[in-house]
Each structure stands twice: as C-alpha cells, then as structure tokens.
C-alpha cells in the first residue's frame, strides 16, 4: 500500500497538469511572444531550471563531485575521491522531458519528469512555471544490516514547482518550493553518540530552493543556487546545500564547473544529505557536462 501511494505522489502533479494544459495556456494567446529561456542548462547548479529539452532531442549529462577541498594535499584536495552521475534525458514534446540517471552517491537510480506549464512571455505571463518530479531508489542499503528493510524504504521522491523570470538580458532568477519524502531516515545521535529514538526527523520534508544566473559574456555565466530545508530536525548533522558555478557554452554543449557543499547530485540526496560546511572548507569541486545529440 505504501508503495502505491509513493507512485501516486510521483505522478499526481503530472496528471493534474495534463488536464487541458493549463486551459491551453490561458486560451492560447497567440499574440504573446515567448521570451528567451531564463537558463541555458537543465540545471542552475544542483537545482533543476525551467529549461526543457526540445521535442526529439536527446541529452547525455555527466556530473562529477570530488571530495572536500579540506582533505589537503594527501588526498590531492579531494580529487582522489569522487562521486559520478550518468544521466540520459529526452524531450517527449517541447513541454515534457523525461530523464533517467545512476549516481555513485548511495548507488542511486532515479527517474525524473519535467513539465512546462507556461512560458514567460513579453506581453503575457511574467514568469515561466514548470513542475519537476523525481523518484529515486537507494540500492546501497544492505538487507543484511536492516533485516526489516522493504523495497519502499529504499525510495525517495521529490515534487518541485519551478518558477523563473528572466529579469534582464543578463539576470535570471528562480524559486523552487519543494516537497520530498524519504523512505529511510539516517539515525540521529545525541551528544553522547546514542541513537535518538524515535527518529525526530519527519519522512515528509519541505524546502525552498532559490537560484539565479548572471550572464558575464556571450558564452559565460555565473550561476548560484541554495536550498533552505524547512523542517529539518534540530539534532540533524545535515546542512543546507549551497552551490556556485560557471556555465560555459562551447557551442556543441554546455559545460558547468562548480563548487558545492553537497556530494549528492539527485534531488533528495542534496536536499536531505548534504554534510559540507562552507565555513570549514568542506567544499567539493565538480562539473556537469551536457552533450546534445
């Protein structure tokens, strides 16, 4: 029964959106011209942007997060250790993108769906709005260590409303109200390293993502995003994810280089399991390489 509700929560936003396609974007105002996209890449840094893939286009995205810089020269400032994510994305229509990925962090497999509700228009909607939904499975959990572990305990799912505005030719901003559910919660320890029971962290969690892009030149932009967790348990060791990066447009693909305090690349991972502290130098260098076919 639990798994049924998990899949229902994953697909329910899309079922609502599919109904009349938001009244044909308010009666299909053909005289309104669509503004240029607020973002050039599918992600701002970690958070999804309102950009979608064109119909029939196929993307390969390779993401890498090295260990923290504070590891020092012995670990070559984190470069000796890394997590990788391999993702494939396809445009079903100009408004509907699907994606599938595998991450080294928690050995996670995840599926994602992004649906564009409405585009920003010069004489119409002042913002672009999209829904993003993802469902991930943590395959790192060992049944031998957790005998009562069920399949649904491995699952996490995320629903986000992505709202962006291209304010000027150079500046774009986005806000992303987020709900996510974790089937398995990491144990929380008290000051004496004893497990706190029951776990004070709710499996249903809420966050707000904010991000932006500032165009530095024709092929270069500075990007930043941050996720504020709204109901994290006070005893939790996890932090809010903060990421800064550069978008480099090489013509054939977008290359994003970045610094972040999160090693996870799937949504529930960086929202719920970020451990790095920028103030202590716990910062990962990484990149997202996007190739269009």
Protein backbone atom coordinates (compact mmCIF):
# COMPACT_ATOMS: atom_id res chain seq x y z
CA UNK A 1 0.00 0.00 0.00
CA UNK A 2 2.83 2.42 0.87
CA UNK A 3 4.49 1.92 -2.49
CA UNK A 4 1.18 2.60 -4.22
CA UNK A 5 0.99 5.99 -2.53
CA UNK A 6 4.62 6.66 -3.43
CA UNK A 7 3.94 6.26 -7.14
CA UNK A 8 0.67 8.17 -6.84
CA UNK A 9 2.50 11.12 -5.29
CA UNK A 10 5.11 10.92 -8.05
CA UNK A 11 2.67 11.04 -10.96
CA UNK A 12 -0.22 13.01 -9.45
CA UNK A 13 1.15 16.50 -10.28
CA UNK A 14 1.57 15.49 -13.91
CA UNK A 15 -1.98 14.16 -14.11
CA UNK A 16 -3.27 17.49 -12.88
CA UNK A 17 -1.11 19.43 -15.30
CA UNK A 18 -2.09 17.35 -18.28
CA UNK A 19 -5.72 18.39 -17.87
CA UNK A 20 -6.29 20.95 -20.62
CA UNK A 21 -2.64 22.04 -20.48
CA UNK A 22 -3.49 24.92 -18.15
CA UNK A 23 -6.50 25.86 -20.28
CA UNK A 24 -4.30 25.93 -23.35
CA UNK A 25 -2.05 28.45 -21.61
CA UNK A 26 -4.98 30.75 -20.93
CA UNK A 27 -6.81 30.41 -24.25
CA UNK A 28 -3.59 30.20 -26.29
CA UNK A 29 -2.84 33.90 -26.62
CA UNK A 30 -1.07 33.68 -29.93
CA UNK A 31 -0.18 37.36 -29.97
CA UNK A 32 2.09 36.94 -26.93
CA UNK A 33 5.69 36.29 -27.93
CA UNK A 34 7.71 33.85 -25.83
CA UNK A 35 10.74 35.34 -24.10
CA UNK A 36 14.16 33.72 -24.41
CA UNK A 37 14.69 30.97 -21.79
CA UNK A 38 15.83 32.17 -18.39
CA UNK A 39 18.52 29.45 -18.24
CA UNK A 40 20.65 27.71 -20.85
CA UNK A 41 21.18 24.44 -18.95
CA UNK A 42 18.72 21.97 -17.46
CA UNK A 43 20.16 22.72 -14.01
CA UNK A 44 21.12 26.02 -12.41
CA UNK A 45 23.85 24.21 -10.48
CA UNK A 46 22.19 21.47 -8.40
CA UNK A 47 18.57 22.57 -8.72
CA UNK A 48 16.58 21.99 -11.89
CA UNK A 49 15.92 25.08 -14.02
CA UNK A 50 12.78 25.80 -16.03
CA UNK A 51 14.58 24.90 -19.26
CA UNK A 52 13.26 21.82 -21.05
CA UNK A 53 14.62 19.72 -23.88
CA UNK A 54 13.24 20.26 -27.36
CA UNK A 55 11.00 17.59 -28.84
CA UNK A 56 13.05 14.64 -30.05
CA UNK A 57 16.32 15.91 -28.58
CA UNK A 58 18.49 13.56 -26.56
CA UNK A 59 20.89 14.73 -23.85
CA UNK A 60 23.76 12.98 -22.12
CA UNK A 61 24.71 14.60 -18.80
CA UNK A 62 27.81 13.52 -16.90
CA UNK A 63 28.15 15.02 -13.42
CA UNK A 64 31.11 14.71 -11.07
CA UNK A 65 31.61 15.75 -7.45
CA UNK A 66 35.03 15.38 -5.87
CA UNK A 67 35.72 15.10 -2.14
CA UNK A 68 36.06 18.19 0.05
CA UNK A 69 38.92 20.61 -0.55
CA UNK A 70 39.87 20.48 3.14
CA UNK A 71 41.25 16.94 2.61
CA UNK A 72 44.55 18.61 1.81
CA UNK A 73 47.44 17.54 -0.36
CA UNK A 74 47.37 13.93 0.93
CA UNK A 75 44.06 13.41 -0.91
CA UNK A 76 45.04 15.98 -3.57
CA UNK A 77 42.42 18.39 -2.21
CA UNK A 78 39.64 15.88 -2.71
CA UNK A 79 40.48 14.91 -6.29
CA UNK A 80 41.45 11.37 -5.28
CA UNK A 81 37.83 10.57 -4.38
CA UNK A 82 34.65 11.35 -6.29
CA UNK A 83 31.03 10.53 -6.99
CA UNK A 84 29.73 10.38 -10.56
CA UNK A 85 26.25 10.60 -12.02
CA UNK A 86 25.39 9.46 -15.53
CA UNK A 87 22.08 10.80 -16.83
CA UNK A 88 20.08 10.49 -20.05
CA UNK A 89 17.28 12.91 -20.88
CA UNK A 90 14.83 13.02 -23.79
CA UNK A 91 12.27 15.54 -24.98
CA UNK A 92 8.90 13.80 -25.49
CA UNK A 93 7.48 17.17 -26.54
CA UNK A 94 8.75 20.72 -26.21
CA UNK A 95 6.96 20.84 -22.86
CA UNK A 96 7.66 17.38 -21.48
CA UNK A 97 11.10 16.00 -20.63
CA UNK A 98 11.94 12.61 -19.12
CA UNK A 99 15.27 11.57 -17.63
CA UNK A 100 16.96 8.57 -16.04
CA UNK A 101 20.17 8.53 -14.04
CA UNK A 102 22.51 6.47 -11.92
CA UNK A 103 24.62 8.07 -9.16
CA UNK A 104 27.53 6.74 -7.15
CA UNK A 105 26.19 8.51 -4.07
CA UNK A 106 24.12 5.85 -2.24
CA UNK A 107 24.30 3.84 -5.52
CA UNK A 108 21.10 5.61 -6.55
CA UNK A 109 18.91 5.06 -9.59
CA UNK A 110 16.40 7.80 -10.31
CA UNK A 111 13.74 8.80 -12.81
CA UNK A 112 12.69 12.38 -13.45
CA UNK A 113 9.85 14.13 -15.27
CA UNK A 114 9.69 17.85 -16.03
CA UNK A 115 6.61 19.52 -17.46
CA UNK A 116 6.36 23.13 -18.62
CA UNK A 117 3.10 24.76 -17.53
CA UNK A 118 3.64 28.17 -19.08
CA UNK A 119 6.44 30.15 -20.65
CA UNK A 120 7.44 33.67 -19.77
CA UNK A 121 6.00 35.99 -22.41
CA UNK A 122 6.88 39.55 -23.24
CA UNK A 123 3.22 40.59 -23.27
CA UNK A 124 1.78 37.82 -21.14
CA UNK A 125 2.98 35.69 -18.24
CA UNK A 126 5.81 37.45 -16.34
CA UNK A 127 7.29 34.10 -15.30
CA UNK A 128 7.94 30.62 -16.61
CA UNK A 129 6.48 27.80 -14.50
CA UNK A 130 7.33 24.11 -14.62
CA UNK A 131 6.78 21.04 -12.44
CA UNK A 132 9.63 18.66 -11.72
CA UNK A 133 9.12 15.23 -10.14
CA UNK A 134 11.71 12.58 -9.37
CA UNK A 135 11.68 9.10 -7.89
CA UNK A 136 14.94 7.59 -6.62
CA UNK A 137 15.96 4.21 -5.25
CA UNK A 138 18.86 3.83 -2.82
CA UNK A 139 20.47 0.48 -3.65
CA UNK A 140 23.33 0.92 -1.18
CA UNK A 141 21.19 -0.12 1.80
CA UNK A 142 22.15 -3.66 2.77
CA UNK A 143 19.36 -6.07 3.71
CA UNK A 144 21.82 -7.87 5.99
CA UNK A 145 22.21 -4.72 8.10
CA UNK A 146 18.49 -3.87 8.00
CA UNK A 147 16.56 -7.19 8.05
CA UNK A 148 13.15 -5.48 8.08
CA UNK A 149 14.01 -3.31 5.07
CA UNK A 150 11.28 -3.25 2.39
CA UNK A 151 11.64 -2.02 -1.17
CA UNK A 152 9.60 1.13 -0.48
CA UNK A 153 12.09 2.03 2.27
CA UNK A 154 14.70 2.49 -0.44
CA UNK A 155 12.59 5.06 -2.27
CA UNK A 156 12.60 8.83 -2.08
CA UNK A 157 10.53 11.14 -4.21
CA UNK A 158 10.56 14.86 -4.87
CA UNK A 159 7.99 17.29 -6.26
CA UNK A 160 9.05 20.82 -7.15
CA UNK A 161 7.32 23.85 -8.59
CA UNK A 162 9.91 25.76 -10.61
CA UNK A 163 9.16 29.46 -11.11
CA UNK A 164 11.68 31.55 -13.03
CA UNK A 165 11.88 35.01 -14.51
CA UNK A 166 14.35 36.43 -16.98
CA UNK A 167 14.60 39.91 -15.48
CA UNK A 168 17.09 41.39 -17.95
CA UNK A 169 19.21 40.04 -20.79
CA UNK A 170 21.84 39.24 -18.16
CA UNK A 171 19.95 38.33 -14.98
CA UNK A 172 17.58 35.39 -14.40
CA UNK A 173 16.17 34.19 -11.07
CA UNK A 174 14.23 31.13 -9.91
CA UNK A 175 12.40 29.96 -6.80
CA UNK A 176 11.53 26.29 -6.24
CA UNK A 177 9.08 25.32 -3.47
CA UNK A 178 9.82 21.64 -2.79
CA UNK A 179 8.27 18.64 -1.08
CA UNK A 180 10.28 15.44 -0.67
CA UNK A 181 9.76 12.14 1.11
CA UNK A 182 12.44 9.73 2.29
CA UNK A 183 11.54 6.12 2.88
CA UNK A 184 14.64 5.53 5.01
CA UNK A 185 15.93 8.01 7.59
CA UNK A 186 19.53 8.11 8.78
CA UNK A 187 19.84 7.56 12.53
CA UNK A 188 20.37 10.73 14.57
CA UNK A 189 22.79 10.62 17.51
CA UNK A 190 22.72 12.72 20.67
CA UNK A 191 25.73 14.43 22.28
CA UNK A 192 26.76 11.09 23.81
CA UNK A 193 26.57 9.30 20.45
CA UNK A 194 23.44 7.41 21.46
CA UNK A 195 20.72 6.87 18.86
CA UNK A 196 17.77 9.20 19.36
CA UNK A 197 14.51 7.22 19.30
CA UNK A 198 12.10 7.70 17.79
CA UNK A 199 13.89 9.44 14.94
CA UNK A 200 12.94 13.13 15.24
CA UNK A 201 13.20 13.72 11.50
CA UNK A 202 9.89 13.52 9.64
CA UNK A 203 9.99 11.48 6.44
CA UNK A 204 7.88 14.17 4.76
CA UNK A 205 10.13 17.18 4.32
CA UNK A 206 9.86 20.66 2.84
CA UNK A 207 12.38 23.03 1.31
CA UNK A 208 12.61 26.17 -0.79
CA UNK A 209 15.26 26.45 -3.46
CA UNK A 210 16.44 29.79 -4.82
CA UNK A 211 18.86 30.31 -7.65
CA UNK A 212 19.98 32.62 -10.36
CA UNK A 213 22.14 33.19 -13.40
CA UNK A 214 24.10 36.29 -14.36
CA UNK A 215 25.43 36.47 -17.89
CA UNK A 216 29.06 37.57 -17.96
CA UNK A 217 29.61 37.28 -21.70
CA UNK A 218 28.05 35.66 -24.76
CA UNK A 219 29.26 32.20 -23.71
CA UNK A 220 29.82 32.55 -19.96
CA UNK A 221 27.50 33.00 -16.97
CA UNK A 222 27.80 32.90 -13.18
CA UNK A 223 25.23 30.64 -11.50
CA UNK A 224 24.24 30.05 -7.88
CA UNK A 225 21.59 28.08 -6.01
CA UNK A 226 20.70 27.40 -2.38
CA UNK A 227 18.21 25.09 -0.69
CA UNK A 228 16.61 26.08 2.63
CA UNK A 229 15.29 23.00 4.48
CA UNK A 230 12.15 24.00 6.38
CA UNK A 231 11.56 21.13 8.83
CA UNK A 232 14.95 19.55 9.48
CA UNK A 233 15.31 18.02 12.96
CA UNK A 234 17.36 20.25 15.24
CA UNK A 235 19.69 17.33 16.11
CA UNK A 236 20.47 16.58 12.45
CA UNK A 237 24.05 16.90 11.19
CA UNK A 238 22.92 17.73 7.65
CA UNK A 239 23.29 21.21 6.12
CA UNK A 240 21.55 23.29 3.50
CA UNK A 241 23.11 22.93 0.03
CA UNK A 242 24.86 25.99 -1.41
CA UNK A 243 26.43 25.83 -4.87
CA UNK A 244 28.23 28.30 -7.12
CA UNK A 245 29.24 27.61 -10.71
CA UNK A 246 30.03 28.85 -14.18
CA UNK A 247 28.10 27.94 -17.34
CA UNK A 248 30.44 27.69 -20.32
CA UNK A 249 28.75 27.46 -23.72
CA UNK A 250 31.14 25.73 -26.12
CA UNK A 251 28.66 25.63 -28.99
CA UNK A 252 28.14 21.87 -29.02
CA UNK A 253 27.40 21.57 -25.32
CA UNK A 254 27.13 23.39 -22.00
CA UNK A 255 29.93 22.76 -19.52
CA UNK A 256 29.27 23.72 -15.89
CA UNK A 257 32.14 23.94 -13.40
CA UNK A 258 31.11 24.40 -9.80
CA UNK A 259 31.82 24.41 -6.09
CA UNK A 260 29.28 22.95 -3.66
CA UNK A 261 29.00 21.59 -0.13
CA UNK A 262 26.97 18.62 -1.40
CA UNK A 263 28.38 15.42 -2.86
CA UNK A 264 24.94 14.12 -3.89
CA UNK A 265 23.51 15.00 -7.30
CA UNK A 266 19.97 13.61 -7.14
CA UNK A 267 17.37 15.87 -5.52
CA UNK A 268 16.58 14.01 -2.28
CA UNK A 269 20.31 13.47 -1.84
CA UNK A 270 21.47 17.07 -1.89
CA UNK A 271 18.33 18.36 -0.13
CA UNK A 272 18.44 15.84 2.71
CA UNK A 273 22.03 14.56 2.94
CA UNK A 274 24.39 17.49 2.45
CA UNK A 275 27.13 17.39 5.10
CA UNK A 276 29.63 20.00 3.95
CA UNK A 277 30.19 23.28 5.78
CA UNK A 278 31.46 26.15 3.61
CA UNK A 279 32.89 27.86 6.69
CA UNK A 280 35.12 24.84 7.39
CA UNK A 281 36.33 24.39 3.83
CA UNK A 282 34.11 21.35 3.28
CA UNK A 283 33.56 22.26 -0.35
CA UNK A 284 33.51 19.95 -3.35
CA UNK A 285 34.78 20.90 -6.77
CA UNK A 286 32.72 19.41 -9.57
CA UNK A 287 31.27 19.73 -13.03
CA UNK A 288 28.20 18.99 -15.15
CA UNK A 289 28.91 18.14 -18.77
CA UNK A 290 25.86 18.36 -21.04
CA UNK A 291 26.04 16.96 -24.58
CA UNK A 292 23.16 17.31 -27.02
CA UNK A 293 22.51 14.71 -29.74
